[in-house]
Amino acid sequence: RRPQAGGDPEKSYVARLFAKGTDAILKKVGEEATE
């Protein structure tokens, strides 16, 4: 799902996270830990 591997941020949630960068990914980890 990485954009470099052909993942489309418009169609894939994971590709969208990768496109936003590590800060967005780590923020989601924190949110999921809280939940």
All heavy atoms as atom14 arrays in JSON, in Angstrom:
{
  "sequence": "RRPQAGGDPEKSYVARLFAKGTDAILKKVGEEATE",
  "atom14_mask": [
    [1, 1, 1, 1, 1, 1, 1, 1, 1, 1, 1, 0, 0, 0],
    [1, 1, 1, 1, 1, 1, 1, 1, 1, 1, 1, 0, 0, 0],
    [1, 1, 1, 1, 1, 1, 1, 0, 0, 0, 0, 0, 0, 0],
    [1, 1, 1, 1, 1, 1, 1, 1, 1, 0, 0, 0, 0, 0],
    [1, 1, 1, 1, 1, 0, 0, 0, 0, 0, 0, 0, 0, 0],
    [1, 1, 1, 1, 0, 0, 0, 0, 0, 0, 0, 0, 0, 0],
    [1, 1, 1, 1, 0, 0, 0, 0, 0, 0, 0, 0, 0, 0],
    [1, 1, 1, 1, 1, 1, 1, 1, 0, 0, 0, 0, 0, 0],
    [1, 1, 1, 1, 1, 1, 1, 0, 0, 0, 0, 0, 0, 0],
    [1, 1, 1, 1, 1, 1, 1, 1, 1, 0, 0, 0, 0, 0],
    [1, 1, 1, 1, 1, 1, 1, 1, 1, 0, 0, 0, 0, 0],
    [1, 1, 1, 1, 1, 1, 0, 0, 0, 0, 0, 0, 0, 0],
    [1, 1, 1, 1, 1, 1, 1, 1, 1, 1, 1, 1, 0, 0],
    [1, 1, 1, 1, 1, 1, 1, 0, 0, 0, 0, 0, 0, 0],
    [1, 1, 1, 1, 1, 0, 0, 0, 0, 0, 0, 0, 0, 0],
    [1, 1, 1, 1, 1, 1, 1, 1, 1, 1, 1, 0, 0, 0],
    [1, 1, 1, 1, 1, 1, 1, 1, 0, 0, 0, 0, 0, 0],
    [1, 1, 1, 1, 1, 1, 1, 1, 1, 1, 1, 0, 0, 0],
    [1, 1, 1, 1, 1, 0, 0, 0, 0, 0, 0, 0, 0, 0],
    [1, 1, 1, 1, 1, 1, 1, 1, 1, 0, 0, 0, 0, 0],
    [1, 1, 1, 1, 0, 0, 0, 0, 0, 0, 0, 0, 0, 0],
    [1, 1, 1, 1, 1, 1, 1, 0, 0, 0, 0, 0, 0, 0],
    [1, 1, 1, 1, 1, 1, 1, 1, 0, 0, 0, 0, 0, 0],
    [1, 1, 1, 1, 1, 0, 0, 0, 0, 0, 0, 0, 0, 0],
    [1, 1, 1, 1, 1, 1, 1, 1, 0, 0, 0, 0, 0, 0],
    [1, 1, 1, 1, 1, 1, 1, 1, 0, 0, 0, 0, 0, 0],
    [1, 1, 1, 1, 1, 1, 1, 1, 1, 0, 0, 0, 0, 0],
    [1, 1, 1, 1, 1, 1, 1, 1, 1, 0, 0, 0, 0, 0],
    [1, 1, 1, 1, 1, 1, 1, 0, 0, 0, 0, 0, 0, 0],
    [1, 1, 1, 1, 0, 0, 0, 0, 0, 0, 0, 0, 0, 0],
    [1, 1, 1, 1, 1, 1, 1, 1, 1, 0, 0, 0, 0, 0],
    [1, 1, 1, 1, 1, 1, 1, 1, 1, 0, 0, 0, 0, 0],
    [1, 1, 1, 1, 1, 0, 0, 0, 0, 0, 0, 0, 0, 0],
    [1, 1, 1, 1, 1, 1, 1, 0, 0, 0, 0, 0, 0, 0],
    [1, 1, 1, 1, 1, 1, 1, 1, 1, 0, 0, 0, 0, 0]
  ],
  "atom14_positions": [
    [[0.81, -1.22, 0.0], [0.0, 0.0, 0.0], [0.85, 1.27, 0.0], [0.32, 2.37, -0.08], [-0.93, 0.02, 1.22], [-1.92, -1.12, 1.27], [-2.98, -0.99, 0.17], [-4.08, -1.9, 0.4], [-4.17, -3.13, -0.09], [-3.18, -3.59, -0.85], [-5.2, -3.89, 0.17], [0.0, 0.0, 0.0], [0.0, 0.0, 0.0], [0.0, 0.0, 0.0]],
    [[2.18, 1.13, 0.1], [3.04, 2.32, 0.03], [2.83, 3.03, -1.32], [2.74, 2.36, -2.35], [4.51, 1.93, 0.15], [4.98, 1.55, 1.54], [6.45, 1.2, 1.48], [7.01, 0.85, 2.76], [7.47, 1.7, 3.65], [7.45, 3.0, 3.38], [7.98, 1.29, 4.79], [0.0, 0.0, 0.0], [0.0, 0.0, 0.0], [0.0, 0.0, 0.0]],
    [[2.79, 4.35, -1.32], [2.67, 5.06, -2.6], [3.77, 4.67, -3.58], [3.53, 4.57, -4.79], [2.78, 6.53, -2.18], [2.24, 6.55, -0.78], [2.71, 5.26, -0.16], [0.0, 0.0, 0.0], [0.0, 0.0, 0.0], [0.0, 0.0, 0.0], [0.0, 0.0, 0.0], [0.0, 0.0, 0.0], [0.0, 0.0, 0.0], [0.0, 0.0, 0.0]],
    [[4.98, 4.4, -3.06], [6.08, 4.0, -3.93], [5.84, 2.65, -4.59], [6.39, 2.34, -5.64], [7.4, 3.94, -3.15], [7.76, 5.23, -2.43], [7.29, 5.24, -1.0], [6.12, 4.94, -0.73], [8.18, 5.58, -0.08], [0.0, 0.0, 0.0], [0.0, 0.0, 0.0], [0.0, 0.0, 0.0], [0.0, 0.0, 0.0], [0.0, 0.0, 0.0]],
    [[5.0, 1.82, -3.93], [4.69, 0.49, -4.47], [3.41, 0.5, -5.29], [2.92, -0.56, -5.68], [4.58, -0.52, -3.32], [0.0, 0.0, 0.0], [0.0, 0.0, 0.0], [0.0, 0.0, 0.0], [0.0, 0.0, 0.0], [0.0, 0.0, 0.0], [0.0, 0.0, 0.0], [0.0, 0.0, 0.0], [0.0, 0.0, 0.0], [0.0, 0.0, 0.0]],
    [[2.84, 1.67, -5.51], [1.63, 1.76, -6.31], [0.37, 1.96, -5.51], [-0.73, 2.0, -6.08], [0.0, 0.0, 0.0], [0.0, 0.0, 0.0], [0.0, 0.0, 0.0], [0.0, 0.0, 0.0], [0.0, 0.0, 0.0], [0.0, 0.0, 0.0], [0.0, 0.0, 0.0], [0.0, 0.0, 0.0], [0.0, 0.0, 0.0], [0.0, 0.0, 0.0]],
    [[0.48, 2.09, -4.18], [-0.69, 2.33, -3.35], [-1.3, 3.69, -3.66], [-0.58, 4.68, -3.77], [0.0, 0.0, 0.0], [0.0, 0.0, 0.0], [0.0, 0.0, 0.0], [0.0, 0.0, 0.0], [0.0, 0.0, 0.0], [0.0, 0.0, 0.0], [0.0, 0.0, 0.0], [0.0, 0.0, 0.0], [0.0, 0.0, 0.0], [0.0, 0.0, 0.0]],
    [[-2.61, 3.73, -3.78], [-3.31, 4.97, -4.14], [-3.92, 5.59, -2.89], [-4.84, 5.03, -2.31], [-4.4, 4.67, -5.16], [-5.09, 5.92, -5.68], [-4.84, 7.01, -5.13], [-5.86, 5.81, -6.65], [0.0, 0.0, 0.0], [0.0, 0.0, 0.0], [0.0, 0.0, 0.0], [0.0, 0.0, 0.0], [0.0, 0.0, 0.0], [0.0, 0.0, 0.0]],
    [[-3.43, 6.75, -2.45], [-3.99, 7.41, -1.25], [-5.47, 7.72, -1.36], [-6.14, 7.9, -0.35], [-3.15, 8.69, -1.14], [-1.88, 8.38, -1.84], [-2.27, 7.49, -2.98], [0.0, 0.0, 0.0], [0.0, 0.0, 0.0], [0.0, 0.0, 0.0], [0.0, 0.0, 0.0], [0.0, 0.0, 0.0], [0.0, 0.0, 0.0], [0.0, 0.0, 0.0]],
    [[-5.98, 7.79, -2.6], [-7.4, 8.07, -2.78], [-8.26, 6.83, -2.56], [-9.48, 6.93, -2.37], [-7.65, 8.62, -4.2], [-6.99, 9.96, -4.47], [-7.5, 11.05, -3.52], [-8.72, 11.09, -3.28], [-6.67, 11.84, -3.03], [0.0, 0.0, 0.0], [0.0, 0.0, 0.0], [0.0, 0.0, 0.0], [0.0, 0.0, 0.0], [0.0, 0.0, 0.0]],
    [[-7.64, 5.64, -2.59], [-8.39, 4.4, -2.48], [-8.01, 3.57, -1.26], [-8.76, 2.7, -0.85], [-8.18, 3.55, -3.74], [-8.72, 4.19, -5.01], [-8.5, 3.28, -6.21], [-9.08, 3.89, -7.48], [-10.53, 4.01, -7.41], [0.0, 0.0, 0.0], [0.0, 0.0, 0.0], [0.0, 0.0, 0.0], [0.0, 0.0, 0.0], [0.0, 0.0, 0.0]],
    [[-6.83, 3.8, -0.72], [-6.33, 2.97, 0.37], [-6.04, 3.81, 1.61], [-5.33, 4.81, 1.55], [-5.04, 2.25, -0.06], [-4.37, 1.69, 1.05], [0.0, 0.0, 0.0], [0.0, 0.0, 0.0], [0.0, 0.0, 0.0], [0.0, 0.0, 0.0], [0.0, 0.0, 0.0], [0.0, 0.0, 0.0], [0.0, 0.0, 0.0], [0.0, 0.0, 0.0]],
    [[-6.6, 3.37, 2.74], [-6.37, 4.04, 4.02], [-4.88, 3.99, 4.39], [-4.31, 4.99, 4.84], [-7.21, 3.34, 5.09], [-6.9, 3.77, 6.51], [-7.37, 4.97, 7.01], [-6.15, 2.95, 7.34], [-7.08, 5.36, 8.32], [-5.86, 3.32, 8.64], [-6.33, 4.53, 9.13], [-6.06, 4.9, 10.42], [0.0, 0.0, 0.0], [0.0, 0.0, 0.0]],
    [[-4.25, 2.83, 4.19], [-2.83, 2.69, 4.54], [-1.97, 3.59, 3.66], [-1.05, 4.26, 4.15], [-2.39, 1.22, 4.42], [-0.89, 1.09, 4.69], [-3.16, 0.35, 5.4], [0.0, 0.0, 0.0], [0.0, 0.0, 0.0], [0.0, 0.0, 0.0], [0.0, 0.0, 0.0], [0.0, 0.0, 0.0], [0.0, 0.0, 0.0], [0.0, 0.0, 0.0]],
    [[-2.27, 3.61, 2.37], [-1.51, 4.48, 1.46], [-1.66, 5.95, 1.86], [-0.71, 6.73, 1.79], [-1.99, 4.28, 0.02], [0.0, 0.0, 0.0], [0.0, 0.0, 0.0], [0.0, 0.0, 0.0], [0.0, 0.0, 0.0], [0.0, 0.0, 0.0], [0.0, 0.0, 0.0], [0.0, 0.0, 0.0], [0.0, 0.0, 0.0], [0.0, 0.0, 0.0]],
    [[-2.86, 6.29, 2.32], [-3.11, 7.67, 2.74], [-2.27, 8.02, 3.97], [-1.72, 9.11, 4.07], [-4.61, 7.84, 3.03], [-5.08, 9.26, 3.07], [-6.55, 9.39, 2.69], [-7.42, 8.55, 3.52], [-8.16, 7.54, 3.05], [-8.13, 7.24, 1.75], [-8.94, 6.85, 3.84], [0.0, 0.0, 0.0], [0.0, 0.0, 0.0], [0.0, 0.0, 0.0]],
    [[-2.16, 7.07, 4.91], [-1.33, 7.3, 6.1], [0.13, 7.46, 5.72], [0.83, 8.35, 6.21], [-1.5, 6.15, 7.09], [-2.55, 6.28, 8.17], [-2.51, 5.07, 9.11], [-2.39, 7.56, 8.97], [0.0, 0.0, 0.0], [0.0, 0.0, 0.0], [0.0, 0.0, 0.0], [0.0, 0.0, 0.0], [0.0, 0.0, 0.0], [0.0, 0.0, 0.0]],
    [[0.63, 6.56, 4.84], [2.02, 6.66, 4.4], [2.28, 8.02, 3.74], [3.32, 8.63, 3.96], [2.35, 5.54, 3.42], [2.75, 4.24, 4.08], [2.15, 3.05, 3.71], [3.73, 4.2, 5.05], [2.5, 1.85, 4.3], [4.11, 3.01, 5.65], [3.5, 1.83, 5.28], [0.0, 0.0, 0.0], [0.0, 0.0, 0.0], [0.0, 0.0, 0.0]],
    [[1.32, 8.46, 2.94], [1.5, 9.73, 2.24], [1.56, 10.91, 3.2], [2.24, 11.91, 2.94], [0.36, 9.92, 1.23], [0.0, 0.0, 0.0], [0.0, 0.0, 0.0], [0.0, 0.0, 0.0], [0.0, 0.0, 0.0], [0.0, 0.0, 0.0], [0.0, 0.0, 0.0], [0.0, 0.0, 0.0], [0.0, 0.0, 0.0], [0.0, 0.0, 0.0]],
    [[0.88, 10.81, 4.33], [0.86, 11.9, 5.31], [2.15, 11.96, 6.12], [2.45, 12.98, 6.73], [-0.33, 11.74, 6.25], [-1.68, 12.02, 5.59], [-2.82, 11.86, 6.58], [-4.16, 12.18, 5.97], [-5.28, 11.99, 6.93], [0.0, 0.0, 0.0], [0.0, 0.0, 0.0], [0.0, 0.0, 0.0], [0.0, 0.0, 0.0], [0.0, 0.0, 0.0]],
    [[2.88, 10.84, 6.19], [4.15, 10.85, 6.89], [4.1, 10.2, 8.26], [3.03, 9.83, 8.77], [0.0, 0.0, 0.0], [0.0, 0.0, 0.0], [0.0, 0.0, 0.0], [0.0, 0.0, 0.0], [0.0, 0.0, 0.0], [0.0, 0.0, 0.0], [0.0, 0.0, 0.0], [0.0, 0.0, 0.0], [0.0, 0.0, 0.0], [0.0, 0.0, 0.0]],
    [[5.28, 10.09, 8.89], [5.4, 9.35, 10.15], [4.64, 10.01, 11.3], [4.13, 9.31, 12.17], [6.88, 9.18, 10.54], [7.52, 10.46, 10.55], [7.59, 8.28, 9.56], [0.0, 0.0, 0.0], [0.0, 0.0, 0.0], [0.0, 0.0, 0.0], [0.0, 0.0, 0.0], [0.0, 0.0, 0.0], [0.0, 0.0, 0.0], [0.0, 0.0, 0.0]],
    [[4.57, 11.32, 11.31], [3.85, 11.99, 12.41], [2.38, 11.55, 12.43], [1.82, 11.29, 13.5], [3.93, 13.51, 12.26], [5.28, 14.06, 12.69], [6.07, 13.3, 13.27], [5.54, 15.25, 12.42], [0.0, 0.0, 0.0], [0.0, 0.0, 0.0], [0.0, 0.0, 0.0], [0.0, 0.0, 0.0], [0.0, 0.0, 0.0], [0.0, 0.0, 0.0]],
    [[1.76, 11.46, 11.26], [0.37, 11.03, 11.18], [0.22, 9.57, 11.61], [-0.73, 9.2, 12.29], [-0.16, 11.21, 9.76], [0.0, 0.0, 0.0], [0.0, 0.0, 0.0], [0.0, 0.0, 0.0], [0.0, 0.0, 0.0], [0.0, 0.0, 0.0], [0.0, 0.0, 0.0], [0.0, 0.0, 0.0], [0.0, 0.0, 0.0], [0.0, 0.0, 0.0]],
    [[1.19, 8.74, 11.22], [1.15, 7.32, 11.59], [1.28, 7.17, 13.1], [0.52, 6.44, 13.75], [2.28, 6.55, 10.88], [2.03, 6.54, 9.36], [2.39, 5.12, 11.42], [3.18, 5.98, 8.56], [0.0, 0.0, 0.0], [0.0, 0.0, 0.0], [0.0, 0.0, 0.0], [0.0, 0.0, 0.0], [0.0, 0.0, 0.0], [0.0, 0.0, 0.0]],
    [[2.24, 7.88, 13.69], [2.45, 7.78, 15.13], [1.27, 8.35, 15.92], [0.94, 7.85, 17.0], [3.75, 8.49, 15.51], [5.02, 7.89, 14.9], [6.24, 8.72, 15.28], [5.2, 6.44, 15.3], [0.0, 0.0, 0.0], [0.0, 0.0, 0.0], [0.0, 0.0, 0.0], [0.0, 0.0, 0.0], [0.0, 0.0, 0.0], [0.0, 0.0, 0.0]],
    [[0.64, 9.37, 15.38], [-0.54, 9.92, 16.03], [-1.65, 8.88, 16.1], [-2.33, 8.74, 17.13], [-1.03, 11.16, 15.26], [-2.28, 11.8, 15.88], [-2.73, 13.02, 15.08], [-4.0, 13.61, 15.69], [-4.49, 14.76, 14.89], [0.0, 0.0, 0.0], [0.0, 0.0, 0.0], [0.0, 0.0, 0.0], [0.0, 0.0, 0.0], [0.0, 0.0, 0.0]],
    [[-1.81, 8.1, 15.01], [-2.83, 7.05, 15.0], [-2.49, 5.96, 16.0], [-3.38, 5.42, 16.67], [-2.95, 6.45, 13.6], [-3.73, 7.3, 12.62], [-5.16, 7.54, 13.09], [-5.97, 6.25, 13.22], [-7.37, 6.51, 13.66], [0.0, 0.0, 0.0], [0.0, 0.0, 0.0], [0.0, 0.0, 0.0], [0.0, 0.0, 0.0], [0.0, 0.0, 0.0]],
    [[-1.22, 5.63, 16.15], [-0.82, 4.63, 17.14], [-1.22, 5.11, 18.53], [-1.76, 4.34, 19.35], [0.7, 4.34, 17.08], [1.12, 3.43, 18.23], [1.06, 3.69, 15.74], [0.0, 0.0, 0.0], [0.0, 0.0, 0.0], [0.0, 0.0, 0.0], [0.0, 0.0, 0.0], [0.0, 0.0, 0.0], [0.0, 0.0, 0.0], [0.0, 0.0, 0.0]],
    [[-0.96, 6.38, 18.81], [-1.34, 6.94, 20.11], [-2.84, 6.91, 20.34], [-3.31, 6.58, 21.43], [0.0, 0.0, 0.0], [0.0, 0.0, 0.0], [0.0, 0.0, 0.0], [0.0, 0.0, 0.0], [0.0, 0.0, 0.0], [0.0, 0.0, 0.0], [0.0, 0.0, 0.0], [0.0, 0.0, 0.0], [0.0, 0.0, 0.0], [0.0, 0.0, 0.0]],
    [[-3.6, 7.26, 19.29], [-5.06, 7.25, 19.41], [-5.58, 5.84, 19.67], [-6.47, 5.64, 20.52], [-5.68, 7.81, 18.13], [-5.46, 9.3, 17.93], [-5.98, 9.78, 16.59], [-6.46, 8.93, 15.79], [-5.9, 11.0, 16.31], [0.0, 0.0, 0.0], [0.0, 0.0, 0.0], [0.0, 0.0, 0.0], [0.0, 0.0, 0.0], [0.0, 0.0, 0.0]],
    [[-5.03, 4.87, 18.95], [-5.48, 3.49, 19.12], [-5.09, 2.95, 20.5], [-5.83, 2.16, 21.09], [-4.92, 2.59, 18.02], [-5.36, 2.97, 16.61], [-6.86, 2.96, 16.43], [-7.56, 2.31, 17.23], [-7.35, 3.6, 15.48], [0.0, 0.0, 0.0], [0.0, 0.0, 0.0], [0.0, 0.0, 0.0], [0.0, 0.0, 0.0], [0.0, 0.0, 0.0]],
    [[-3.93, 3.37, 21.01], [-3.53, 2.95, 22.36], [-4.51, 3.49, 23.39], [-4.91, 2.78, 24.33], [-2.1, 3.43, 22.65], [0.0, 0.0, 0.0], [0.0, 0.0, 0.0], [0.0, 0.0, 0.0], [0.0, 0.0, 0.0], [0.0, 0.0, 0.0], [0.0, 0.0, 0.0], [0.0, 0.0, 0.0], [0.0, 0.0, 0.0], [0.0, 0.0, 0.0]],
    [[-4.92, 4.75, 23.23], [-5.89, 5.34, 24.14], [-7.23, 4.62, 24.07], [-7.85, 4.33, 25.09], [-6.1, 6.83, 23.8], [-4.85, 7.53, 23.94], [-7.13, 7.47, 24.73], [0.0, 0.0, 0.0], [0.0, 0.0, 0.0], [0.0, 0.0, 0.0], [0.0, 0.0, 0.0], [0.0, 0.0, 0.0], [0.0, 0.0, 0.0], [0.0, 0.0, 0.0]],
    [[-7.67, 4.29, 22.85], [-8.94, 3.58, 22.69], [-8.87, 2.18, 23.28], [-9.87, 1.67, 23.81], [-9.32, 3.53, 21.21], [-9.7, 4.9, 20.66], [-10.05, 4.87, 19.18], [-10.16, 3.75, 18.63], [-10.21, 5.94, 18.58], [0.0, 0.0, 0.0], [0.0, 0.0, 0.0], [0.0, 0.0, 0.0], [0.0, 0.0, 0.0], [0.0, 0.0, 0.0]]
  ]
}
